[in-house]
Amino acid sequence: MFGASLALSGDGTTLAIGSQLEDSYSRGVGGDQNEDSAADSGAVYYFTCVGETWSQQDYVKATNADAYDEFGSSLSLNRDGSLMAIGAHFEDGAAAQESNQEGNSAFDTGAVYLFSR
């Protein structure tokens, strides 16, 4: 489901593309895109444009990526693309804000992750 969610920065130079059924168990920014041990954990691909050329800058995963979280199911970028909000509508954590992200005691509660460049 690459492209199921999209966000284009207000200045048109940054594009985030969600792939909520991507399967890598990598976590954070710049992990292994070819690893496939966490079904439907989700990912976001971050592109920038210089002139007329688009190129991938980052591969982004949840900091607590788990199977079936569907990270990247929703996206938003600020005007210049330096701040990105990413939804994972099936994340199971019961934690408020950043505490105990590893817990999975609240089935499908969802989460939002913020990444800045």
N, C-alpha and C. Protein backbone atom coordinates (compact mmCIF):
# COMPACT_ATOMS: atom_id res chain seq x y z
N MET A 1 0.81 -1.19 0.00
CA MET A 1 0.00 0.00 0.00
C MET A 1 0.86 1.26 0.00
N PHE A 2 1.97 1.21 -0.71
CA PHE A 2 2.80 2.40 -0.87
C PHE A 2 1.95 3.49 -1.51
N GLY A 3 1.89 4.65 -0.87
CA GLY A 3 1.11 5.76 -1.40
C GLY A 3 -0.30 5.85 -0.83
N ALA A 4 -0.61 5.00 0.16
CA ALA A 4 -1.94 5.06 0.76
C ALA A 4 -2.17 6.38 1.48
N SER A 5 -1.12 7.01 1.96
CA SER A 5 -1.19 8.35 2.54
C SER A 5 -0.05 9.18 1.95
N LEU A 6 -0.33 10.46 1.75
CA LEU A 6 0.65 11.38 1.17
C LEU A 6 0.57 12.72 1.88
N ALA A 7 1.71 13.40 1.96
CA ALA A 7 1.73 14.77 2.45
C ALA A 7 2.77 15.53 1.65
N LEU A 8 2.38 16.67 1.13
CA LEU A 8 3.28 17.55 0.38
C LEU A 8 3.43 18.83 1.19
N SER A 9 4.66 19.26 1.38
CA SER A 9 4.89 20.50 2.13
C SER A 9 4.28 21.68 1.39
N GLY A 10 3.98 22.73 2.13
CA GLY A 10 3.37 23.93 1.56
C GLY A 10 4.23 24.57 0.49
N ASP A 11 5.55 24.45 0.59
CA ASP A 11 6.42 25.03 -0.42
C ASP A 11 6.67 24.09 -1.60
N GLY A 12 6.09 22.88 -1.55
CA GLY A 12 6.16 21.95 -2.67
C GLY A 12 7.48 21.24 -2.87
N THR A 13 8.38 21.29 -1.89
CA THR A 13 9.70 20.70 -2.08
C THR A 13 9.93 19.41 -1.27
N THR A 14 8.95 19.04 -0.46
CA THR A 14 9.10 17.85 0.38
C THR A 14 7.83 17.01 0.25
N LEU A 15 8.02 15.69 0.08
CA LEU A 15 6.91 14.77 -0.06
C LEU A 15 7.13 13.59 0.89
N ALA A 16 6.12 13.28 1.69
CA ALA A 16 6.16 12.10 2.56
C ALA A 16 5.13 11.12 2.01
N ILE A 17 5.54 9.86 1.86
CA ILE A 17 4.66 8.82 1.32
C ILE A 17 4.55 7.69 2.34
N GLY A 18 3.34 7.40 2.76
CA GLY A 18 3.11 6.33 3.71
C GLY A 18 2.91 4.99 3.03
N SER A 19 3.40 3.97 3.69
CA SER A 19 3.23 2.59 3.24
C SER A 19 2.85 1.78 4.47
N GLN A 20 1.59 1.87 4.86
CA GLN A 20 1.15 1.34 6.14
C GLN A 20 1.25 -0.18 6.27
N LEU A 21 1.41 -0.91 5.16
CA LEU A 21 1.54 -2.36 5.24
C LEU A 21 2.97 -2.84 5.00
N GLU A 22 3.94 -1.93 5.03
CA GLU A 22 5.35 -2.27 4.89
C GLU A 22 5.74 -3.15 6.08
N ASP A 23 6.70 -4.06 5.90
CA ASP A 23 6.94 -5.14 6.85
C ASP A 23 8.26 -5.13 7.63
N SER A 24 9.07 -4.11 7.51
CA SER A 24 10.37 -4.11 8.19
C SER A 24 10.23 -3.92 9.70
N TYR A 25 11.10 -4.60 10.45
CA TYR A 25 11.14 -4.44 11.90
C TYR A 25 12.11 -3.34 12.31
N SER A 26 12.70 -2.64 11.35
CA SER A 26 13.60 -1.54 11.67
C SER A 26 12.87 -0.51 12.51
N ARG A 27 13.63 0.30 13.24
CA ARG A 27 13.04 1.34 14.09
C ARG A 27 13.76 2.65 13.87
N GLY A 28 13.00 3.76 13.93
CA GLY A 28 13.59 5.08 13.79
C GLY A 28 13.84 5.44 12.33
N VAL A 29 14.88 6.23 12.12
CA VAL A 29 15.18 6.77 10.79
C VAL A 29 16.37 6.04 10.18
N GLY A 30 16.24 5.66 8.90
CA GLY A 30 17.36 5.12 8.15
C GLY A 30 17.63 3.64 8.36
N GLY A 31 16.67 2.86 8.75
CA GLY A 31 16.85 1.43 8.98
C GLY A 31 16.90 0.62 7.69
N ASP A 32 16.87 -0.68 7.84
CA ASP A 32 16.96 -1.63 6.73
C ASP A 32 15.60 -1.76 6.04
N GLN A 33 15.48 -1.23 4.84
CA GLN A 33 14.24 -1.26 4.07
C GLN A 33 13.92 -2.64 3.52
N ASN A 34 14.88 -3.53 3.52
CA ASN A 34 14.69 -4.85 2.91
C ASN A 34 14.38 -5.95 3.92
N GLU A 35 14.36 -5.63 5.19
CA GLU A 35 14.08 -6.60 6.24
C GLU A 35 12.55 -6.74 6.35
N ASP A 36 12.04 -7.96 6.51
CA ASP A 36 10.58 -8.18 6.45
C ASP A 36 10.04 -9.06 7.58
N SER A 37 10.38 -8.76 8.83
CA SER A 37 9.95 -9.64 9.91
C SER A 37 8.84 -9.06 10.79
N ALA A 38 8.26 -7.92 10.42
CA ALA A 38 7.18 -7.32 11.23
C ALA A 38 6.03 -6.94 10.29
N ALA A 39 5.20 -7.89 9.99
CA ALA A 39 4.11 -7.70 9.02
C ALA A 39 3.27 -6.47 9.34
N ASP A 40 3.05 -5.65 8.32
CA ASP A 40 2.16 -4.49 8.39
C ASP A 40 2.54 -3.49 9.48
N SER A 41 3.82 -3.43 9.82
CA SER A 41 4.26 -2.44 10.82
C SER A 41 4.20 -1.03 10.24
N GLY A 42 4.44 -0.89 8.94
CA GLY A 42 4.32 0.40 8.26
C GLY A 42 5.61 1.20 8.22
N ALA A 43 5.68 2.10 7.26
CA ALA A 43 6.84 2.97 7.10
C ALA A 43 6.44 4.23 6.34
N VAL A 44 7.32 5.23 6.39
CA VAL A 44 7.14 6.46 5.62
C VAL A 44 8.43 6.72 4.86
N TYR A 45 8.29 7.08 3.61
CA TYR A 45 9.41 7.42 2.75
C TYR A 45 9.38 8.94 2.55
N TYR A 46 10.52 9.59 2.79
CA TYR A 46 10.63 11.05 2.81
C TYR A 46 11.48 11.49 1.61
N PHE A 47 10.90 12.28 0.74
CA PHE A 47 11.56 12.73 -0.49
C PHE A 47 11.68 14.26 -0.50
N THR A 48 12.74 14.76 -1.14
CA THR A 48 12.86 16.19 -1.38
C THR A 48 13.13 16.43 -2.86
N CYS A 49 12.79 17.64 -3.29
CA CYS A 49 12.97 18.01 -4.68
C CYS A 49 13.94 19.18 -4.78
N VAL A 50 14.94 19.02 -5.65
CA VAL A 50 15.86 20.10 -5.97
C VAL A 50 15.77 20.30 -7.48
N GLY A 51 15.37 21.49 -7.89
CA GLY A 51 15.12 21.72 -9.31
C GLY A 51 13.94 20.89 -9.74
N GLU A 52 14.17 19.94 -10.65
CA GLU A 52 13.10 19.05 -11.11
C GLU A 52 13.36 17.60 -10.69
N THR A 53 14.33 17.39 -9.80
CA THR A 53 14.72 16.04 -9.42
C THR A 53 14.29 15.71 -7.99
N TRP A 54 13.47 14.65 -7.84
CA TRP A 54 13.04 14.16 -6.55
C TRP A 54 13.99 13.04 -6.13
N SER A 55 14.38 13.03 -4.86
CA SER A 55 15.22 11.93 -4.36
C SER A 55 14.82 11.58 -2.93
N GLN A 56 14.92 10.28 -2.63
CA GLN A 56 14.58 9.83 -1.29
C GLN A 56 15.66 10.27 -0.32
N GLN A 57 15.24 10.90 0.77
CA GLN A 57 16.17 11.36 1.80
C GLN A 57 16.18 10.46 3.02
N ASP A 58 15.01 9.94 3.38
CA ASP A 58 14.93 9.11 4.58
C ASP A 58 13.88 8.02 4.45
N TYR A 59 14.08 7.02 5.25
CA TYR A 59 13.14 5.92 5.44
C TYR A 59 12.82 5.95 6.93
N VAL A 60 11.54 6.12 7.29
CA VAL A 60 11.17 6.39 8.68
C VAL A 60 10.24 5.29 9.20
N LYS A 61 10.57 4.79 10.39
CA LYS A 61 9.77 3.78 11.07
C LYS A 61 9.45 4.30 12.47
N ALA A 62 8.42 3.73 13.08
CA ALA A 62 8.13 4.09 14.46
C ALA A 62 9.31 3.71 15.35
N THR A 63 9.50 4.45 16.42
CA THR A 63 10.58 4.15 17.36
C THR A 63 10.29 2.88 18.15
N ASN A 64 9.06 2.42 18.10
CA ASN A 64 8.66 1.18 18.77
C ASN A 64 7.90 0.27 17.79
N ALA A 65 8.39 0.17 16.58
CA ALA A 65 7.71 -0.57 15.51
C ALA A 65 7.38 -2.00 15.92
N ASP A 66 6.13 -2.38 15.67
CA ASP A 66 5.66 -3.74 15.90
C ASP A 66 4.75 -4.15 14.75
N ALA A 67 4.59 -5.41 14.57
CA ALA A 67 3.70 -5.92 13.53
C ALA A 67 2.28 -5.39 13.72
N TYR A 68 1.65 -5.10 12.62
CA TYR A 68 0.24 -4.69 12.53
C TYR A 68 -0.08 -3.32 13.12
N ASP A 69 0.92 -2.47 13.36
CA ASP A 69 0.66 -1.11 13.85
C ASP A 69 0.18 -0.17 12.74
N GLU A 70 0.57 -0.44 11.51
CA GLU A 70 0.24 0.38 10.34
C GLU A 70 0.69 1.83 10.48
N PHE A 71 1.94 1.99 10.90
CA PHE A 71 2.62 3.29 10.93
C PHE A 71 2.60 3.88 9.52
N GLY A 72 2.26 5.14 9.41
CA GLY A 72 2.18 5.78 8.09
C GLY A 72 0.77 5.80 7.53
N SER A 73 -0.20 5.40 8.34
CA SER A 73 -1.60 5.39 7.86
C SER A 73 -2.13 6.81 7.67
N SER A 74 -1.52 7.79 8.31
CA SER A 74 -1.85 9.20 8.07
C SER A 74 -0.57 10.03 8.21
N LEU A 75 -0.52 11.14 7.50
CA LEU A 75 0.69 11.98 7.45
C LEU A 75 0.33 13.45 7.38
N SER A 76 1.24 14.26 7.89
CA SER A 76 1.13 15.70 7.73
C SER A 76 2.53 16.31 7.79
N LEU A 77 2.78 17.31 6.96
CA LEU A 77 4.04 18.05 6.96
C LEU A 77 3.76 19.52 7.21
N ASN A 78 4.69 20.21 7.87
CA ASN A 78 4.55 21.65 7.99
C ASN A 78 4.96 22.32 6.68
N ARG A 79 4.91 23.63 6.63
CA ARG A 79 5.11 24.38 5.38
C ARG A 79 6.41 24.04 4.65
N ASP A 80 7.53 23.95 5.38
CA ASP A 80 8.80 23.68 4.70
C ASP A 80 9.24 22.22 4.79
N GLY A 81 8.40 21.35 5.32
CA GLY A 81 8.71 19.92 5.38
C GLY A 81 9.66 19.53 6.48
N SER A 82 9.98 20.43 7.40
CA SER A 82 10.94 20.12 8.46
C SER A 82 10.31 19.42 9.65
N LEU A 83 8.99 19.39 9.73
CA LEU A 83 8.29 18.70 10.82
C LEU A 83 7.23 17.80 10.20
N MET A 84 7.22 16.53 10.63
CA MET A 84 6.29 15.55 10.08
C MET A 84 5.56 14.85 11.22
N ALA A 85 4.23 14.77 11.11
CA ALA A 85 3.41 14.00 12.05
C ALA A 85 2.95 12.75 11.32
N ILE A 86 3.10 11.60 11.98
CA ILE A 86 2.79 10.31 11.36
C ILE A 86 1.86 9.53 12.29
N GLY A 87 0.75 9.06 11.74
CA GLY A 87 -0.19 8.27 12.52
C GLY A 87 0.03 6.78 12.32
N ALA A 88 -0.23 6.03 13.39
CA ALA A 88 -0.22 4.57 13.36
C ALA A 88 -1.51 4.13 14.04
N HIS A 89 -2.56 3.95 13.24
CA HIS A 89 -3.87 3.78 13.85
C HIS A 89 -4.09 2.45 14.58
N PHE A 90 -3.18 1.49 14.45
CA PHE A 90 -3.32 0.24 15.19
C PHE A 90 -2.23 0.01 16.23
N GLU A 91 -1.47 1.05 16.59
CA GLU A 91 -0.47 0.95 17.67
C GLU A 91 -1.19 0.55 18.96
N ASP A 92 -0.57 -0.34 19.73
CA ASP A 92 -1.21 -0.91 20.92
C ASP A 92 -0.75 -0.34 22.25
N GLY A 93 0.04 0.71 22.24
CA GLY A 93 0.58 1.25 23.48
C GLY A 93 -0.46 1.98 24.32
N ALA A 94 -0.30 1.86 25.64
CA ALA A 94 -1.19 2.56 26.57
C ALA A 94 -0.49 3.78 27.17
N ALA A 95 0.73 4.06 26.73
CA ALA A 95 1.52 5.13 27.33
C ALA A 95 1.04 6.51 26.87
N ALA A 96 1.17 7.47 27.76
CA ALA A 96 0.91 8.87 27.42
C ALA A 96 2.23 9.49 27.03
N GLN A 97 2.24 10.19 25.93
CA GLN A 97 3.42 10.84 25.37
C GLN A 97 4.55 9.85 25.18
N GLU A 98 5.74 10.09 25.74
CA GLU A 98 6.90 9.27 25.42
C GLU A 98 7.20 8.17 26.43
N SER A 99 6.42 8.02 27.47
CA SER A 99 6.75 7.03 28.50
C SER A 99 6.34 5.62 28.06
N ASN A 100 7.17 4.65 28.34
CA ASN A 100 6.90 3.23 28.10
C ASN A 100 6.32 2.93 26.72
N GLN A 101 7.03 3.32 25.69
CA GLN A 101 6.57 3.05 24.33
C GLN A 101 6.54 1.57 24.00
N GLU A 102 7.22 0.76 24.74
CA GLU A 102 7.29 -0.66 24.43
C GLU A 102 6.05 -1.43 24.86
N GLY A 103 5.20 -0.87 25.66
CA GLY A 103 4.01 -1.58 26.13
C GLY A 103 3.00 -1.79 25.01
N ASN A 104 2.30 -2.90 25.06
CA ASN A 104 1.26 -3.21 24.07
C ASN A 104 -0.01 -3.67 24.77
N SER A 105 -0.39 -2.95 25.82
CA SER A 105 -1.51 -3.40 26.64
C SER A 105 -2.85 -2.77 26.27
N ALA A 106 -2.86 -1.86 25.29
CA ALA A 106 -4.12 -1.19 24.92
C ALA A 106 -4.37 -1.43 23.43
N PHE A 107 -5.04 -2.49 23.12
CA PHE A 107 -5.24 -2.97 21.76
C PHE A 107 -5.79 -1.89 20.82
N ASP A 108 -5.06 -1.62 19.75
CA ASP A 108 -5.46 -0.72 18.65
C ASP A 108 -5.87 0.69 19.09
N THR A 109 -5.18 1.24 20.10
CA THR A 109 -5.49 2.60 20.55
C THR A 109 -4.97 3.66 19.60
N GLY A 110 -3.92 3.36 18.86
CA GLY A 110 -3.35 4.31 17.92
C GLY A 110 -2.32 5.22 18.56
N ALA A 111 -1.53 5.88 17.72
CA ALA A 111 -0.50 6.80 18.20
C ALA A 111 -0.14 7.77 17.08
N VAL A 112 0.45 8.89 17.49
CA VAL A 112 1.00 9.88 16.55
C VAL A 112 2.47 10.08 16.94
N TYR A 113 3.33 10.10 15.94
CA TYR A 113 4.76 10.29 16.13
C TYR A 113 5.17 11.58 15.44
N LEU A 114 6.05 12.36 16.06
CA LEU A 114 6.56 13.59 15.46
C LEU A 114 8.03 13.42 15.15
N PHE A 115 8.42 13.78 13.94
CA PHE A 115 9.81 13.74 13.51
C PHE A 115 10.18 15.12 12.98
N SER A 116 11.36 15.60 13.35
CA SER A 116 11.82 16.88 12.81
C SER A 116 13.16 16.68 12.12
N ARG A 117 13.40 17.49 11.12
CA ARG A 117 14.66 17.45 10.38
C ARG A 117 15.52 18.58 10.83
